[in-house]
Amino acid sequence: MTVLSHFAGLRAHRRLIGQLARRDVEGRYRGSSLGLVWSFATPLVMLTVYTFVFGVVFTGARWPHTPAGGTENLGEFALVLFCGLLLLNLVSECLGRASSLVVGAPNYVKKVVFPLEVLPLMALMSALFHTGISLLVVVAANVLLRGSMHWTLVLVPAVLLPVVALILGFSWLLASLGVFARDVGHVVGVGLQILVFVTPIFYPLEAIPEPVRSFISWNPLTPAVENLRRVVLWGQQPDWAAWGISLVVGSIVMIGGLWWFTVTRPAFADVV
């Protein structure tokens, strides 16, 4: 089977993916008194902490000039920060659990008819649910602080598309590698911690010295973070050139990740 046929198979399993994602979301809050309230509470608490540390303690982290005329107060800085955290949390949630998706479901591995390739998609759909809730918080806060809602919000799915492709590609790769090397999860954890500080989330890209800025710009999350702020906060269209490059890279990673997963899948049952 070709990689394209596997993508067609994923489309055929869309109902299964939806059911697994729903079960994953519900299972996370099963037995909890507050339930889905934690989806709002957790990012808001972390946002408060990060805003204080990087917006008050490290005052140089502020965005002195923005397309909207400057982030003069802490509330607007929090919105800029939160847009970056949206994507960071999406990537961290998916890649953080990717290496254990297959080894954590031995019953599925033993079933020849079960499409294991849907597991990263399930994790992605679950993470996108929480990202959507956080995005609603950002939009509501932006309306309260600035009294406006930009039409460019309709471009959010397009902005997320390259990130989704990257996440899927790396998730398939890590899910496969995690079967054969259990240390992959620890390596990913370290990599995600590094990603926090090499992505322009807590600081504006313009504040980075030129030699280092070029390195930061190669981070695939950099254009996504910048574009999300453009369409959500500032009412500007994305940088389509950077978006196009990111989409091409993300598509290559996604195709390569699925190819690797399908090639190595026959050996899963022997290892798990």
C-alpha atoms as a PDB file:
ATOM      1  CA  MET A   1       0.000   0.000   0.000  1.00  0.00           C
ATOM      2  CA  THR A   2       1.168   3.516  -0.775  1.00  0.00           C
ATOM      3  CA  VAL A   3       1.225   6.376   1.708  1.00  0.00           C
ATOM      4  CA  LEU A   4      -1.651   8.032  -0.178  1.00  0.00           C
ATOM      5  CA  SER A   5      -3.786   4.930   0.291  1.00  0.00           C
ATOM      6  CA  HIS A   6      -3.095   5.096   4.023  1.00  0.00           C
ATOM      7  CA  PHE A   7      -4.284   8.710   4.091  1.00  0.00           C
ATOM      8  CA  ALA A   8      -7.459   7.566   2.328  1.00  0.00           C
ATOM      9  CA  GLY A   9      -7.814   4.900   4.996  1.00  0.00           C
ATOM     10  CA  LEU A  10      -7.582   7.530   7.715  1.00  0.00           C
ATOM     11  CA  ARG A  11     -10.478   9.371   6.134  1.00  0.00           C
ATOM     12  CA  ALA A  12     -12.495   6.168   6.140  1.00  0.00           C
ATOM     13  CA  HIS A  13     -11.853   5.826   9.890  1.00  0.00           C
ATOM     14  CA  ARG A  14     -12.973   9.371  10.737  1.00  0.00           C
ATOM     15  CA  ARG A  15     -15.888   8.131  12.886  1.00  0.00           C
ATOM     16  CA  LEU A  16     -13.558   5.897  14.877  1.00  0.00           C
ATOM     17  CA  ILE A  17     -11.131   8.786  15.360  1.00  0.00           C
ATOM     18  CA  GLY A  18     -13.951  11.006  16.595  1.00  0.00           C
ATOM     19  CA  GLN A  19     -15.176   8.386  19.058  1.00  0.00           C
ATOM     20  CA  LEU A  20     -11.676   7.762  20.418  1.00  0.00           C
ATOM     21  CA  ALA A  21     -11.022  11.510  20.793  1.00  0.00           C
ATOM     22  CA  ARG A  22     -14.307  12.011  22.628  1.00  0.00           C
ATOM     23  CA  ARG A  23     -13.531   9.110  24.946  1.00  0.00           C
ATOM     24  CA  ASP A  24     -10.063  10.558  25.564  1.00  0.00           C
ATOM     25  CA  VAL A  25     -11.461  13.969  26.528  1.00  0.00           C
ATOM     26  CA  GLU A  26     -14.168  12.489  28.743  1.00  0.00           C
ATOM     27  CA  GLY A  27     -11.710  10.082  30.366  1.00  0.00           C
ATOM     28  CA  ARG A  28      -9.416  12.915  31.353  1.00  0.00           C
ATOM     29  CA  TYR A  29     -12.094  14.513  33.526  1.00  0.00           C
ATOM     30  CA  ARG A  30     -13.895  11.370  34.698  1.00  0.00           C
ATOM     31  CA  GLY A  31     -14.310  11.497  38.468  1.00  0.00           C
ATOM     32  CA  SER A  32     -13.350  15.175  38.623  1.00  0.00           C
ATOM     33  CA  SER A  33     -15.654  17.545  40.492  1.00  0.00           C
ATOM     34  CA  LEU A  34     -15.018  20.492  38.166  1.00  0.00           C
ATOM     35  CA  GLY A  35     -14.873  18.488  34.939  1.00  0.00           C
ATOM     36  CA  LEU A  36     -14.304  20.630  31.845  1.00  0.00           C
ATOM     37  CA  VAL A  37     -13.774  23.705  34.032  1.00  0.00           C
ATOM     38  CA  TRP A  38     -10.174  22.518  34.344  1.00  0.00           C
ATOM     39  CA  SER A  39      -9.778  23.165  30.607  1.00  0.00           C
ATOM     40  CA  PHE A  40     -10.260  26.864  31.376  1.00  0.00           C
ATOM     41  CA  ALA A  41      -8.675  26.984  34.821  1.00  0.00           C
ATOM     42  CA  THR A  42      -5.332  25.331  34.072  1.00  0.00           C
ATOM     43  CA  PRO A  43      -4.208  27.591  31.191  1.00  0.00           C
ATOM     44  CA  LEU A  44      -5.489  30.674  33.007  1.00  0.00           C
ATOM     45  CA  VAL A  45      -3.452  29.849  36.114  1.00  0.00           C
ATOM     46  CA  MET A  46      -0.315  29.232  34.075  1.00  0.00           C
ATOM     47  CA  LEU A  47      -0.990  32.378  32.068  1.00  0.00           C
ATOM     48  CA  THR A  48      -1.147  34.396  35.293  1.00  0.00           C
ATOM     49  CA  VAL A  49       2.170  32.992  36.497  1.00  0.00           C
ATOM     50  CA  TYR A  50       3.954  33.494  33.167  1.00  0.00           C
ATOM     51  CA  THR A  51       2.530  36.986  32.780  1.00  0.00           C
ATOM     52  CA  PHE A  52       3.816  38.014  36.204  1.00  0.00           C
ATOM     53  CA  VAL A  53       7.270  36.532  35.682  1.00  0.00           C
ATOM     54  CA  PHE A  54       7.867  37.720  32.132  1.00  0.00           C
ATOM     55  CA  GLY A  55       5.695  40.819  32.107  1.00  0.00           C
ATOM     56  CA  VAL A  56       6.479  42.239  35.547  1.00  0.00           C
ATOM     57  CA  VAL A  57       9.738  40.732  36.783  1.00  0.00           C
ATOM     58  CA  PHE A  58      11.427  40.670  33.366  1.00  0.00           C
ATOM     59  CA  THR A  59       9.974  43.896  32.041  1.00  0.00           C
ATOM     60  CA  GLY A  60      12.194  43.747  28.966  1.00  0.00           C
ATOM     61  CA  ALA A  61      10.050  40.893  27.695  1.00  0.00           C
ATOM     62  CA  ARG A  62       7.260  43.298  26.685  1.00  0.00           C
ATOM     63  CA  TRP A  63       6.391  43.887  23.057  1.00  0.00           C
ATOM     64  CA  PRO A  64       7.184  47.643  22.800  1.00  0.00           C
ATOM     65  CA  HIS A  65       5.750  48.025  19.295  1.00  0.00           C
ATOM     66  CA  THR A  66       2.990  46.006  17.692  1.00  0.00           C
ATOM     67  CA  PRO A  67       0.774  46.539  14.645  1.00  0.00           C
ATOM     68  CA  ALA A  68      -2.019  47.568  16.997  1.00  0.00           C
ATOM     69  CA  GLY A  69       0.009  50.439  18.379  1.00  0.00           C
ATOM     70  CA  GLY A  70       1.975  48.838  21.190  1.00  0.00           C
ATOM     71  CA  THR A  71       1.289  46.552  24.128  1.00  0.00           C
ATOM     72  CA  GLU A  72       1.314  49.210  26.815  1.00  0.00           C
ATOM     73  CA  ASN A  73      -0.401  47.311  29.631  1.00  0.00           C
ATOM     74  CA  LEU A  74      -0.100  43.949  31.283  1.00  0.00           C
ATOM     75  CA  GLY A  75      -3.479  42.752  29.989  1.00  0.00           C
ATOM     76  CA  GLU A  76      -2.485  43.164  26.365  1.00  0.00           C
ATOM     77  CA  PHE A  77       0.862  41.539  27.079  1.00  0.00           C
ATOM     78  CA  ALA A  78      -1.026  38.584  28.558  1.00  0.00           C
ATOM     79  CA  LEU A  79      -2.987  38.169  25.309  1.00  0.00           C
ATOM     80  CA  VAL A  80       0.192  38.161  23.242  1.00  0.00           C
ATOM     81  CA  LEU A  81       1.697  35.626  25.613  1.00  0.00           C
ATOM     82  CA  PHE A  82      -1.406  33.443  25.614  1.00  0.00           C
ATOM     83  CA  CYS A  83      -1.441  33.168  21.809  1.00  0.00           C
ATOM     84  CA  GLY A  84       2.023  31.666  21.962  1.00  0.00           C
ATOM     85  CA  LEU A  85       1.063  29.342  24.784  1.00  0.00           C
ATOM     86  CA  LEU A  86      -1.858  28.039  22.730  1.00  0.00           C
ATOM     87  CA  LEU A  87       0.438  26.541  20.144  1.00  0.00           C
ATOM     88  CA  LEU A  88       3.062  25.461  22.645  1.00  0.00           C
ATOM     89  CA  ASN A  89       0.487  23.551  24.699  1.00  0.00           C
ATOM     90  CA  LEU A  90      -0.928  21.948  21.549  1.00  0.00           C
ATOM     91  CA  VAL A  91       2.496  20.700  20.474  1.00  0.00           C
ATOM     92  CA  SER A  92       3.524  19.652  23.985  1.00  0.00           C
ATOM     93  CA  GLU A  93       0.338  17.711  24.654  1.00  0.00           C
ATOM     94  CA  CYS A  94       0.546  15.757  21.394  1.00  0.00           C
ATOM     95  CA  LEU A  95       4.276  15.075  21.226  1.00  0.00           C
ATOM     96  CA  GLY A  96       4.549  14.511  24.967  1.00  0.00           C
ATOM     97  CA  ARG A  97       2.312  11.460  24.763  1.00  0.00           C
ATOM     98  CA  ALA A  98       3.184  10.332  21.227  1.00  0.00           C
ATOM     99  CA  SER A  99       5.926   7.872  22.202  1.00  0.00           C
ATOM    100  CA  SER A 100       3.555   5.965  24.511  1.00  0.00           C
ATOM    101  CA  LEU A 101       0.511   5.820  22.246  1.00  0.00           C
ATOM    102  CA  VAL A 102       1.281   2.386  20.817  1.00  0.00           C
ATOM    103  CA  VAL A 103       3.025   0.795  23.807  1.00  0.00           C
ATOM    104  CA  GLY A 104       0.208   2.066  26.013  1.00  0.00           C
ATOM    105  CA  ALA A 105      -2.410   0.223  23.966  1.00  0.00           C
ATOM    106  CA  PRO A 106      -1.147  -3.402  23.738  1.00  0.00           C
ATOM    107  CA  ASN A 107      -4.676  -4.717  23.191  1.00  0.00           C
ATOM    108  CA  TYR A 108      -4.967  -2.673  20.007  1.00  0.00           C
ATOM    109  CA  VAL A 109      -1.551  -3.845  18.803  1.00  0.00           C
ATOM    110  CA  LYS A 110      -2.595  -7.487  19.038  1.00  0.00           C
ATOM    111  CA  LYS A 111      -5.669  -6.812  16.913  1.00  0.00           C
ATOM    112  CA  VAL A 112      -4.602  -7.060  13.296  1.00  0.00           C
ATOM    113  CA  VAL A 113      -7.711  -5.254  12.071  1.00  0.00           C
ATOM    114  CA  PHE A 114      -7.293  -2.220  14.325  1.00  0.00           C
ATOM    115  CA  PRO A 115      -5.794   0.793  12.483  1.00  0.00           C
ATOM    116  CA  LEU A 116      -3.041   1.854  14.886  1.00  0.00           C
ATOM    117  CA  GLU A 117      -2.269   4.897  12.748  1.00  0.00           C
ATOM    118  CA  VAL A 118      -5.426   6.581  14.069  1.00  0.00           C
ATOM    119  CA  LEU A 119      -3.982   6.874  17.603  1.00  0.00           C
ATOM    120  CA  PRO A 120      -1.911  10.034  16.892  1.00  0.00           C
ATOM    121  CA  LEU A 121      -4.964  11.537  15.194  1.00  0.00           C
ATOM    122  CA  MET A 122      -7.033  10.756  18.270  1.00  0.00           C
ATOM    123  CA  ALA A 123      -4.499  12.521  20.492  1.00  0.00           C
ATOM    124  CA  LEU A 124      -4.421  15.494  18.115  1.00  0.00           C
ATOM    125  CA  MET A 125      -8.212  15.855  18.048  1.00  0.00           C
ATOM    126  CA  SER A 126      -8.326  15.741  21.841  1.00  0.00           C
ATOM    127  CA  ALA A 127      -5.611  18.408  22.089  1.00  0.00           C
ATOM    128  CA  LEU A 128      -7.357  20.596  19.489  1.00  0.00           C
ATOM    129  CA  PHE A 129     -10.485  20.518  21.639  1.00  0.00           C
ATOM    130  CA  HIS A 130      -8.598  22.115  24.520  1.00  0.00           C
ATOM    131  CA  THR A 131      -6.871  24.528  22.151  1.00  0.00           C
ATOM    132  CA  GLY A 132     -10.272  25.641  20.902  1.00  0.00           C
ATOM    133  CA  ILE A 133     -11.405  26.378  24.460  1.00  0.00           C
ATOM    134  CA  SER A 134      -8.262  28.412  25.119  1.00  0.00           C
ATOM    135  CA  LEU A 135      -8.773  30.283  21.851  1.00  0.00           C
ATOM    136  CA  LEU A 136     -12.288  31.253  22.957  1.00  0.00           C
ATOM    137  CA  VAL A 137     -10.750  32.668  26.145  1.00  0.00           C
ATOM    138  CA  VAL A 138      -8.300  34.757  24.097  1.00  0.00           C
ATOM    139  CA  VAL A 139     -11.009  36.092  21.789  1.00  0.00           C
ATOM    140  CA  ALA A 140     -13.291  36.965  24.713  1.00  0.00           C
ATOM    141  CA  ALA A 141     -10.451  38.715  26.556  1.00  0.00           C
ATOM    142  CA  ASN A 142      -9.486  40.619  23.414  1.00  0.00           C
ATOM    143  CA  VAL A 143     -13.057  41.874  23.056  1.00  0.00           C
ATOM    144  CA  LEU A 144     -13.132  42.969  26.709  1.00  0.00           C
ATOM    145  CA  LEU A 145      -9.758  44.743  26.566  1.00  0.00           C
ATOM    146  CA  ARG A 146      -9.905  46.211  23.062  1.00  0.00           C
ATOM    147  CA  GLY A 147     -13.583  46.113  22.226  1.00  0.00           C
ATOM    148  CA  SER A 148     -13.017  44.509  18.843  1.00  0.00           C
ATOM    149  CA  MET A 149     -13.185  41.177  17.072  1.00  0.00           C
ATOM    150  CA  HIS A 150     -11.314  40.875  13.793  1.00  0.00           C
ATOM    151  CA  TRP A 151     -12.607  39.130  10.668  1.00  0.00           C
ATOM    152  CA  THR A 152      -9.194  37.491  10.340  1.00  0.00           C
ATOM    153  CA  LEU A 153     -10.274  34.999  13.019  1.00  0.00           C
ATOM    154  CA  VAL A 154     -11.629  32.891  10.158  1.00  0.00           C
ATOM    155  CA  LEU A 155      -8.006  32.332   9.116  1.00  0.00           C
ATOM    156  CA  VAL A 156      -7.095  30.547  12.370  1.00  0.00           C
ATOM    157  CA  PRO A 157      -7.622  27.048  10.870  1.00  0.00           C
ATOM    158  CA  ALA A 158      -5.285  27.957   8.007  1.00  0.00           C
ATOM    159  CA  VAL A 159      -2.660  29.230  10.457  1.00  0.00           C
ATOM    160  CA  LEU A 160      -2.873  25.982  12.436  1.00  0.00           C
ATOM    161  CA  LEU A 161      -2.662  23.750   9.357  1.00  0.00           C
ATOM    162  CA  PRO A 162       1.178  23.619   9.079  1.00  0.00           C
ATOM    163  CA  VAL A 163       1.447  22.951  12.826  1.00  0.00           C
ATOM    164  CA  VAL A 164      -1.107  20.152  12.616  1.00  0.00           C
ATOM    165  CA  ALA A 165       0.853  18.555   9.769  1.00  0.00           C
ATOM    166  CA  LEU A 166       4.098  18.744  11.766  1.00  0.00           C
ATOM    167  CA  ILE A 167       2.457  17.315  14.869  1.00  0.00           C
ATOM    168  CA  LEU A 168       1.012  14.372  12.966  1.00  0.00           C
ATOM    169  CA  GLY A 169       4.300  13.602  11.241  1.00  0.00           C
ATOM    170  CA  PHE A 170       6.341  13.679  14.435  1.00  0.00           C
ATOM    171  CA  SER A 171       3.626  11.843  16.374  1.00  0.00           C
ATOM    172  CA  TRP A 172       3.666   8.923  13.937  1.00  0.00           C
ATOM    173  CA  LEU A 173       7.461   8.876  14.041  1.00  0.00           C
ATOM    174  CA  LEU A 174       7.671   9.041  17.839  1.00  0.00           C
ATOM    175  CA  ALA A 175       4.868   6.510  18.323  1.00  0.00           C
ATOM    176  CA  SER A 176       6.857   4.048  16.255  1.00  0.00           C
ATOM    177  CA  LEU A 177      10.227   4.802  17.838  1.00  0.00           C
ATOM    178  CA  GLY A 178       8.690   4.565  21.297  1.00  0.00           C
ATOM    179  CA  VAL A 179       7.926   0.901  20.675  1.00  0.00           C
ATOM    180  CA  PHE A 180      11.566   0.006  20.075  1.00  0.00           C
ATOM    181  CA  ALA A 181      13.316   2.540  22.359  1.00  0.00           C
ATOM    182  CA  ARG A 182      11.573   3.432  25.600  1.00  0.00           C
ATOM    183  CA  ASP A 183      13.985   6.333  26.200  1.00  0.00           C
ATOM    184  CA  VAL A 184      12.333   8.306  23.412  1.00  0.00           C
ATOM    185  CA  GLY A 185       9.825   9.790  25.840  1.00  0.00           C
ATOM    186  CA  HIS A 186      12.592  11.245  28.008  1.00  0.00           C
ATOM    187  CA  VAL A 187      14.334  12.756  24.981  1.00  0.00           C
ATOM    188  CA  VAL A 188      11.072  14.316  23.817  1.00  0.00           C
ATOM    189  CA  GLY A 189      10.489  15.782  27.271  1.00  0.00           C
ATOM    190  CA  VAL A 190      13.861  17.540  27.178  1.00  0.00           C
ATOM    191  CA  GLY A 191      13.239  18.709  23.626  1.00  0.00           C
ATOM    192  CA  LEU A 192       9.881  20.231  24.578  1.00  0.00           C
ATOM    193  CA  GLN A 193      11.475  22.128  27.445  1.00  0.00           C
ATOM    194  CA  ILE A 194      14.040  23.565  25.027  1.00  0.00           C
ATOM    195  CA  LEU A 195      11.253  24.436  22.578  1.00  0.00           C
ATOM    196  CA  VAL A 196       9.677  26.695  25.196  1.00  0.00           C
ATOM    197  CA  PHE A 197      12.664  29.028  25.118  1.00  0.00           C
ATOM    198  CA  VAL A 198      13.586  28.881  21.418  1.00  0.00           C
ATOM    199  CA  THR A 199      10.080  29.921  20.357  1.00  0.00           C
ATOM    200  CA  PRO A 200       9.119  33.636  20.546  1.00  0.00           C
ATOM    201  CA  ILE A 201       6.437  33.168  23.168  1.00  0.00           C
ATOM    202  CA  PHE A 202       7.761  35.115  26.142  1.00  0.00           C
ATOM    203  CA  TYR A 203       9.684  37.634  24.072  1.00  0.00           C
ATOM    204  CA  PRO A 204       9.237  39.453  20.731  1.00  0.00           C
ATOM    205  CA  LEU A 205      11.269  38.134  17.827  1.00  0.00           C
ATOM    206  CA  GLU A 206      12.636  41.649  17.252  1.00  0.00           C
ATOM    207  CA  ALA A 207      14.286  41.603  20.689  1.00  0.00           C
ATOM    208  CA  ILE A 208      16.619  38.768  19.687  1.00  0.00           C
ATOM    209  CA  PRO A 209      20.115  39.691  18.403  1.00  0.00           C
ATOM    210  CA  GLU A 210      20.365  39.269  14.639  1.00  0.00           C
ATOM    211  CA  PRO A 211      22.625  36.162  14.531  1.00  0.00           C
ATOM    212  CA  VAL A 212      20.401  34.301  16.994  1.00  0.00           C
ATOM    213  CA  ARG A 213      17.214  35.637  15.389  1.00  0.00           C
ATOM    214  CA  SER A 214      17.987  33.757  12.200  1.00  0.00           C
ATOM    215  CA  PHE A 215      18.238  30.534  14.198  1.00  0.00           C
ATOM    216  CA  ILE A 216      14.962  31.224  16.021  1.00  0.00           C
ATOM    217  CA  SER A 217      13.277  31.975  12.690  1.00  0.00           C
ATOM    218  CA  TRP A 218      14.071  28.441  11.490  1.00  0.00           C
ATOM    219  CA  ASN A 219      11.995  27.061  14.348  1.00  0.00           C
ATOM    220  CA  PRO A 220       8.836  25.759  12.590  1.00  0.00           C
ATOM    221  CA  LEU A 221       6.687  27.128  15.426  1.00  0.00           C
ATOM    222  CA  THR A 222       7.970  30.689  15.002  1.00  0.00           C
ATOM    223  CA  PRO A 223       5.910  31.637  11.910  1.00  0.00           C
ATOM    224  CA  ALA A 224       2.859  29.895  13.366  1.00  0.00           C
ATOM    225  CA  VAL A 225       3.062  31.859  16.627  1.00  0.00           C
ATOM    226  CA  GLU A 226       3.611  35.139  14.784  1.00  0.00           C
ATOM    227  CA  ASN A 227       0.755  34.453  12.361  1.00  0.00           C
ATOM    228  CA  LEU A 228      -1.657  33.449  15.119  1.00  0.00           C
ATOM    229  CA  ARG A 229      -1.055  36.763  16.857  1.00  0.00           C
ATOM    230  CA  ARG A 230      -1.598  38.581  13.578  1.00  0.00           C
ATOM    231  CA  VAL A 231      -5.011  37.058  12.851  1.00  0.00           C
ATOM    232  CA  VAL A 232      -6.358  36.892  16.416  1.00  0.00           C
ATOM    233  CA  LEU A 233      -5.054  40.079  18.070  1.00  0.00           C
ATOM    234  CA  TRP A 234      -4.052  42.528  15.367  1.00  0.00           C
ATOM    235  CA  GLY A 235      -6.505  41.862  12.556  1.00  0.00           C
ATOM    236  CA  GLN A 236      -3.771  41.282   9.997  1.00  0.00           C
ATOM    237  CA  GLN A 237      -3.450  38.546   7.423  1.00  0.00           C
ATOM    238  CA  PRO A 238      -0.729  35.953   7.994  1.00  0.00           C
ATOM    239  CA  ASP A 239       2.690  36.152   6.431  1.00  0.00           C
ATOM    240  CA  TRP A 240       1.653  33.941   3.539  1.00  0.00           C
ATOM    241  CA  ALA A 241       5.206  33.355   2.336  1.00  0.00           C
ATOM    242  CA  ALA A 242       6.310  31.980   5.704  1.00  0.00           C
ATOM    243  CA  TRP A 243       3.027  30.069   5.965  1.00  0.00           C
ATOM    244  CA  GLY A 244       3.588  28.421   2.580  1.00  0.00           C
ATOM    245  CA  ILE A 245       7.103  27.302   3.488  1.00  0.00           C
ATOM    246  CA  SER A 246       5.858  25.926   6.815  1.00  0.00           C
ATOM    247  CA  LEU A 247       3.058  24.054   5.082  1.00  0.00           C
ATOM    248  CA  VAL A 248       5.458  22.420   2.623  1.00  0.00           C
ATOM    249  CA  VAL A 249       7.811  21.387   5.439  1.00  0.00           C
ATOM    250  CA  GLY A 250       4.922  20.157   7.555  1.00  0.00           C
ATOM    251  CA  SER A 251       3.495  18.122   4.677  1.00  0.00           C
ATOM    252  CA  ILE A 252       6.854  16.457   4.036  1.00  0.00           C
ATOM    253  CA  VAL A 253       7.210  15.596   7.733  1.00  0.00           C
ATOM    254  CA  MET A 254       3.644  14.274   7.859  1.00  0.00           C
ATOM    255  CA  ILE A 255       4.071  12.038   4.814  1.00  0.00           C
ATOM    256  CA  GLY A 256       7.448  10.818   6.049  1.00  0.00           C
ATOM    257  CA  GLY A 257       6.094  10.115   9.518  1.00  0.00           C
ATOM    258  CA  LEU A 258       3.162   8.055   8.230  1.00  0.00           C
ATOM    259  CA  TRP A 259       5.450   6.176   5.848  1.00  0.00           C
ATOM    260  CA  TRP A 260       7.811   5.266   8.695  1.00  0.00           C
ATOM    261  CA  PHE A 261       4.917   4.201  10.909  1.00  0.00           C
ATOM    262  CA  THR A 262       3.441   1.899   8.258  1.00  0.00           C
ATOM    263  CA  VAL A 263       6.842   0.364   7.444  1.00  0.00           C
ATOM    264  CA  THR A 264       7.632  -0.436  11.079  1.00  0.00           C
ATOM    265  CA  ARG A 265       4.136  -1.423  12.174  1.00  0.00           C
ATOM    266  CA  PRO A 266       4.481  -5.177  11.357  1.00  0.00           C
ATOM    267  CA  ALA A 267       7.151  -5.434  14.066  1.00  0.00           C
ATOM    268  CA  PHE A 268       5.073  -3.823  16.822  1.00  0.00           C
ATOM    269  CA  ALA A 269       3.395  -7.036  17.946  1.00  0.00           C
ATOM    270  CA  ASP A 270       6.763  -8.736  18.439  1.00  0.00           C
ATOM    271  CA  VAL A 271       8.013  -5.994  20.753  1.00  0.00           C
ATOM    272  CA  VAL A 272       4.969  -4.843  22.727  1.00  0.00           C
END
